Amino acid sequence: MLHEGILGIHSLMRWILLGLLFINIFRITVESKEEYDETDKKFSFWITLFTWLNIVSAFDLYILGPNGIMMIRNQGYSLNQVMNSSWLRFWIIEHPIMMLIAMVLIIVSHSVSLKNMNAKNKLKLMNFLYIIAIVIIIVAVPWPFRLNGIARPAFRALY
């Protein structure tokens, strides 16, 4: 029961994070000629907060959940078996690594927001990091149209 709740929260936070990223990328693209203001700071804070919350729930799912390390240990999968199975490789290696890379980019973008630099350059760099992060997230999400074993419902919190 706890695992399903954390999984639902993890899925819901993904949608919140994607929404915030899309809105902020659009905002920065449109307003990039303006100064770095309080709205930019708030968006950066909220995106970073949801990133950290998602990381915490993801680590719990990966370490304690039935589809992460516990699955390898309980099923006795070898590295060769994991690498030769597309769905095992996705869940054990690809998804966690790509998401960690995206999360690091978002956190680095927040640290850029705190630096004292030219506002236009700051916004451009933040936008660049956000765009790379969102592309990685979109590739790493187990969308419903993915292969068997990888595909998951779009709104996991509702199932």
C-alpha atoms as a PDB file:
ATOM      1  CA  MET A   1       0.000   0.000   0.000  1.00  0.00           C
ATOM      2  CA  LEU A   2       2.771   2.461   0.900  1.00  0.00           C
ATOM      3  CA  HIS A   3       4.570   1.696  -2.368  1.00  0.00           C
ATOM      4  CA  GLU A   4       1.451   2.503  -4.423  1.00  0.00           C
ATOM      5  CA  GLY A   5       1.002   5.805  -2.592  1.00  0.00           C
ATOM      6  CA  ILE A   6       4.599   6.875  -3.145  1.00  0.00           C
ATOM      7  CA  LEU A   7       4.362   5.769  -6.777  1.00  0.00           C
ATOM      8  CA  GLY A   8       1.218   7.878  -7.207  1.00  0.00           C
ATOM      9  CA  ILE A   9       2.915  10.894  -5.623  1.00  0.00           C
ATOM     10  CA  HIS A  10       5.992  10.346  -7.809  1.00  0.00           C
ATOM     11  CA  SER A  11       3.809  10.273 -10.935  1.00  0.00           C
ATOM     12  CA  LEU A  12       1.801  13.318  -9.895  1.00  0.00           C
ATOM     13  CA  MET A  13       4.966  15.303  -9.141  1.00  0.00           C
ATOM     14  CA  ARG A  14       6.254  14.396 -12.611  1.00  0.00           C
ATOM     15  CA  TRP A  15       3.271  16.174 -14.164  1.00  0.00           C
ATOM     16  CA  ILE A  16       3.651  19.186 -11.877  1.00  0.00           C
ATOM     17  CA  LEU A  17       7.360  19.380 -12.683  1.00  0.00           C
ATOM     18  CA  LEU A  18       6.762  19.045 -16.441  1.00  0.00           C
ATOM     19  CA  GLY A  19       4.081  21.738 -16.270  1.00  0.00           C
ATOM     20  CA  LEU A  20       6.310  24.120 -14.344  1.00  0.00           C
ATOM     21  CA  LEU A  21       9.195  23.471 -16.738  1.00  0.00           C
ATOM     22  CA  PHE A  22       7.065  24.066 -19.858  1.00  0.00           C
ATOM     23  CA  ILE A  23       5.579  27.264 -18.412  1.00  0.00           C
ATOM     24  CA  ASN A  24       8.970  28.543 -17.319  1.00  0.00           C
ATOM     25  CA  ILE A  25      10.674  27.708 -20.616  1.00  0.00           C
ATOM     26  CA  PHE A  26       7.912  29.608 -22.419  1.00  0.00           C
ATOM     27  CA  ARG A  27       8.168  32.516 -19.960  1.00  0.00           C
ATOM     28  CA  ILE A  28      11.945  32.778 -20.261  1.00  0.00           C
ATOM     29  CA  THR A  29      11.804  32.525 -24.055  1.00  0.00           C
ATOM     30  CA  VAL A  30       9.244  35.315 -24.273  1.00  0.00           C
ATOM     31  CA  GLU A  31      10.705  37.521 -21.503  1.00  0.00           C
ATOM     32  CA  SER A  32      14.414  36.867 -22.064  1.00  0.00           C
ATOM     33  CA  LYS A  33      15.042  40.543 -22.855  1.00  0.00           C
ATOM     34  CA  GLU A  34      13.759  41.595 -19.451  1.00  0.00           C
ATOM     35  CA  GLU A  35      15.483  41.610 -16.089  1.00  0.00           C
ATOM     36  CA  TYR A  36      15.697  38.619 -13.797  1.00  0.00           C
ATOM     37  CA  ASP A  37      12.863  39.310 -11.342  1.00  0.00           C
ATOM     38  CA  GLU A  38      10.941  37.882  -8.402  1.00  0.00           C
ATOM     39  CA  THR A  39       8.769  35.679 -10.654  1.00  0.00           C
ATOM     40  CA  ASP A  40      11.872  34.047 -12.100  1.00  0.00           C
ATOM     41  CA  LYS A  41      13.140  33.377  -8.572  1.00  0.00           C
ATOM     42  CA  LYS A  42       9.827  31.824  -7.538  1.00  0.00           C
ATOM     43  CA  PHE A  43       9.660  29.558 -10.599  1.00  0.00           C
ATOM     44  CA  SER A  44      13.239  28.447 -10.047  1.00  0.00           C
ATOM     45  CA  PHE A  45      12.488  27.701  -6.392  1.00  0.00           C
ATOM     46  CA  TRP A  46       9.306  25.695  -7.103  1.00  0.00           C
ATOM     47  CA  ILE A  47      10.883  23.725  -9.935  1.00  0.00           C
ATOM     48  CA  THR A  48      13.831  22.868  -7.708  1.00  0.00           C
ATOM     49  CA  LEU A  49      11.547  21.944  -4.789  1.00  0.00           C
ATOM     50  CA  PHE A  50       9.495  19.530  -6.912  1.00  0.00           C
ATOM     51  CA  THR A  51      12.715  18.139  -8.351  1.00  0.00           C
ATOM     52  CA  TRP A  52      14.032  17.326  -4.874  1.00  0.00           C
ATOM     53  CA  LEU A  53      10.698  15.835  -3.779  1.00  0.00           C
ATOM     54  CA  ASN A  54      10.656  13.676  -6.887  1.00  0.00           C
ATOM     55  CA  ILE A  55      14.242  12.550  -6.251  1.00  0.00           C
ATOM     56  CA  VAL A  56      13.364  11.508  -2.696  1.00  0.00           C
ATOM     57  CA  SER A  57      10.322   9.526  -3.828  1.00  0.00           C
ATOM     58  CA  ALA A  58      12.322   7.987  -6.692  1.00  0.00           C
ATOM     59  CA  PHE A  59      15.094   6.814  -4.367  1.00  0.00           C
ATOM     60  CA  ASP A  60      12.501   5.247  -2.090  1.00  0.00           C
ATOM     61  CA  LEU A  61      10.895   3.464  -5.041  1.00  0.00           C
ATOM     62  CA  TYR A  62      14.252   2.333  -6.443  1.00  0.00           C
ATOM     63  CA  ILE A  63      15.724   1.091  -3.173  1.00  0.00           C
ATOM     64  CA  LEU A  64      12.638  -0.220  -1.356  1.00  0.00           C
ATOM     65  CA  GLY A  65      10.071  -0.679  -4.131  1.00  0.00           C
ATOM     66  CA  PRO A  66       9.434  -3.981  -5.887  1.00  0.00           C
ATOM     67  CA  ASN A  67      10.762  -2.794  -9.288  1.00  0.00           C
ATOM     68  CA  GLY A  68      14.213  -1.584  -8.292  1.00  0.00           C
ATOM     69  CA  ILE A  69      17.028  -3.146  -6.341  1.00  0.00           C
ATOM     70  CA  MET A  70      14.628  -5.483  -4.529  1.00  0.00           C
ATOM     71  CA  MET A  71      13.572  -6.987  -7.861  1.00  0.00           C
ATOM     72  CA  ILE A  72      17.176  -7.727  -8.803  1.00  0.00           C
ATOM     73  CA  ARG A  73      17.857  -9.287  -5.429  1.00  0.00           C
ATOM     74  CA  ASN A  74      14.609 -11.269  -5.216  1.00  0.00           C
ATOM     75  CA  GLN A  75      14.716 -12.520  -8.809  1.00  0.00           C
ATOM     76  CA  GLY A  76      18.475 -13.067  -8.859  1.00  0.00           C
ATOM     77  CA  TYR A  77      19.024 -11.187 -12.135  1.00  0.00           C
ATOM     78  CA  SER A  78      22.605 -10.926 -13.336  1.00  0.00           C
ATOM     79  CA  LEU A  79      24.005  -7.832 -15.061  1.00  0.00           C
ATOM     80  CA  ASN A  80      23.992  -9.762 -18.340  1.00  0.00           C
ATOM     81  CA  GLN A  81      20.270 -10.522 -17.956  1.00  0.00           C
ATOM     82  CA  VAL A  82      19.520  -6.892 -17.137  1.00  0.00           C
ATOM     83  CA  MET A  83      21.462  -5.620 -20.156  1.00  0.00           C
ATOM     84  CA  ASN A  84      19.838  -8.130 -22.537  1.00  0.00           C
ATOM     85  CA  SER A  85      16.277  -7.295 -21.481  1.00  0.00           C
ATOM     86  CA  SER A  86      14.945  -3.964 -22.761  1.00  0.00           C
ATOM     87  CA  TRP A  87      12.435  -3.528 -19.939  1.00  0.00           C
ATOM     88  CA  LEU A  88      14.872  -4.530 -17.174  1.00  0.00           C
ATOM     89  CA  ARG A  89      17.573  -2.282 -18.628  1.00  0.00           C
ATOM     90  CA  PHE A  90      15.083   0.602 -18.816  1.00  0.00           C
ATOM     91  CA  TRP A  91      13.904   0.293 -15.206  1.00  0.00           C
ATOM     92  CA  ILE A  92      17.211  -0.619 -13.563  1.00  0.00           C
ATOM     93  CA  ILE A  93      19.645   1.547 -15.557  1.00  0.00           C
ATOM     94  CA  GLU A  94      18.226   3.903 -18.200  1.00  0.00           C
ATOM     95  CA  HIS A  95      15.302   5.509 -16.362  1.00  0.00           C
ATOM     96  CA  PRO A  96      17.185   6.253 -13.120  1.00  0.00           C
ATOM     97  CA  ILE A  97      20.324   7.560 -14.845  1.00  0.00           C
ATOM     98  CA  MET A  98      18.482   9.789 -17.324  1.00  0.00           C
ATOM     99  CA  MET A  99      16.250  11.184 -14.591  1.00  0.00           C
ATOM    100  CA  LEU A 100      19.231  11.873 -12.336  1.00  0.00           C
ATOM    101  CA  ILE A 101      20.948  13.736 -15.173  1.00  0.00           C
ATOM    102  CA  ALA A 102      17.795  15.820 -15.772  1.00  0.00           C
ATOM    103  CA  MET A 103      17.446  16.531 -12.064  1.00  0.00           C
ATOM    104  CA  VAL A 104      21.095  17.623 -11.802  1.00  0.00           C
ATOM    105  CA  LEU A 105      20.560  20.005 -14.735  1.00  0.00           C
ATOM    106  CA  ILE A 106      17.543  21.521 -12.985  1.00  0.00           C
ATOM    107  CA  ILE A 107      19.461  21.919  -9.726  1.00  0.00           C
ATOM    108  CA  VAL A 108      22.404  23.485 -11.585  1.00  0.00           C
ATOM    109  CA  SER A 109      19.939  25.860 -13.242  1.00  0.00           C
ATOM    110  CA  HIS A 110      18.717  26.916  -9.815  1.00  0.00           C
ATOM    111  CA  SER A 111      22.288  27.544  -8.681  1.00  0.00           C
ATOM    112  CA  VAL A 112      22.774  29.688 -11.802  1.00  0.00           C
ATOM    113  CA  SER A 113      19.695  31.676 -10.755  1.00  0.00           C
ATOM    114  CA  LEU A 114      21.426  32.534  -7.483  1.00  0.00           C
ATOM    115  CA  LYS A 115      24.605  33.815  -9.142  1.00  0.00           C
ATOM    116  CA  ASN A 116      25.286  37.487  -9.617  1.00  0.00           C
ATOM    117  CA  MET A 117      25.562  37.765 -13.391  1.00  0.00           C
ATOM    118  CA  ASN A 118      24.010  39.555 -16.345  1.00  0.00           C
ATOM    119  CA  ALA A 119      20.239  38.917 -16.269  1.00  0.00           C
ATOM    120  CA  LYS A 120      19.975  38.145 -19.976  1.00  0.00           C
ATOM    121  CA  ASN A 121      22.826  35.599 -19.826  1.00  0.00           C
ATOM    122  CA  LYS A 122      21.429  34.107 -16.629  1.00  0.00           C
ATOM    123  CA  LEU A 123      18.005  33.570 -18.217  1.00  0.00           C
ATOM    124  CA  LYS A 124      19.510  32.145 -21.407  1.00  0.00           C
ATOM    125  CA  LEU A 125      21.639  29.658 -19.463  1.00  0.00           C
ATOM    126  CA  MET A 126      18.735  28.670 -17.228  1.00  0.00           C
ATOM    127  CA  ASN A 127      16.493  28.186 -20.261  1.00  0.00           C
ATOM    128  CA  PHE A 128      19.135  26.074 -22.014  1.00  0.00           C
ATOM    129  CA  LEU A 129      19.512  23.819 -18.961  1.00  0.00           C
ATOM    130  CA  TYR A 130      15.726  23.535 -18.563  1.00  0.00           C
ATOM    131  CA  ILE A 131      15.271  22.582 -22.222  1.00  0.00           C
ATOM    132  CA  ILE A 132      17.927  19.852 -22.037  1.00  0.00           C
ATOM    133  CA  ALA A 133      16.391  18.587 -18.783  1.00  0.00           C
ATOM    134  CA  ILE A 134      12.861  18.464 -20.177  1.00  0.00           C
ATOM    135  CA  VAL A 135      13.996  16.606 -23.299  1.00  0.00           C
ATOM    136  CA  ILE A 136      15.744  14.011 -21.122  1.00  0.00           C
ATOM    137  CA  ILE A 137      12.670  13.692 -18.888  1.00  0.00           C
ATOM    138  CA  ILE A 138      10.372  13.204 -21.883  1.00  0.00           C
ATOM    139  CA  VAL A 139      12.660  10.463 -23.238  1.00  0.00           C
ATOM    140  CA  ALA A 140      12.953   8.753 -19.834  1.00  0.00           C
ATOM    141  CA  VAL A 141       9.274   8.729 -18.828  1.00  0.00           C
ATOM    142  CA  PRO A 142       7.539   5.335 -19.214  1.00  0.00           C
ATOM    143  CA  TRP A 143       4.744   6.691 -21.434  1.00  0.00           C
ATOM    144  CA  PRO A 144       1.691   4.459 -22.097  1.00  0.00           C
ATOM    145  CA  PHE A 145       2.760   3.941 -25.745  1.00  0.00           C
ATOM    146  CA  ARG A 146       6.166   2.459 -24.838  1.00  0.00           C
ATOM    147  CA  LEU A 147       7.066  -1.219 -25.209  1.00  0.00           C
ATOM    148  CA  ASN A 148       5.541  -3.915 -23.018  1.00  0.00           C
ATOM    149  CA  GLY A 149       7.195  -3.970 -19.625  1.00  0.00           C
ATOM    150  CA  ILE A 150       8.114  -0.302 -19.886  1.00  0.00           C
ATOM    151  CA  ALA A 151       4.741   1.365 -20.557  1.00  0.00           C
ATOM    152  CA  ARG A 152       2.889   2.748 -17.548  1.00  0.00           C
ATOM    153  CA  PRO A 153      -0.371   4.747 -17.222  1.00  0.00           C
ATOM    154  CA  ALA A 154      -0.055   8.479 -17.780  1.00  0.00           C
ATOM    155  CA  PHE A 155      -1.642   9.297 -14.410  1.00  0.00           C
ATOM    156  CA  ARG A 156      -0.363   6.631 -12.063  1.00  0.00           C
ATOM    157  CA  ALA A 157      -1.929   8.352  -9.045  1.00  0.00           C
ATOM    158  CA  LEU A 158      -5.383   7.489 -10.395  1.00  0.00           C
ATOM    159  CA  TYR A 159      -4.797   3.735 -10.651  1.00  0.00           C
END
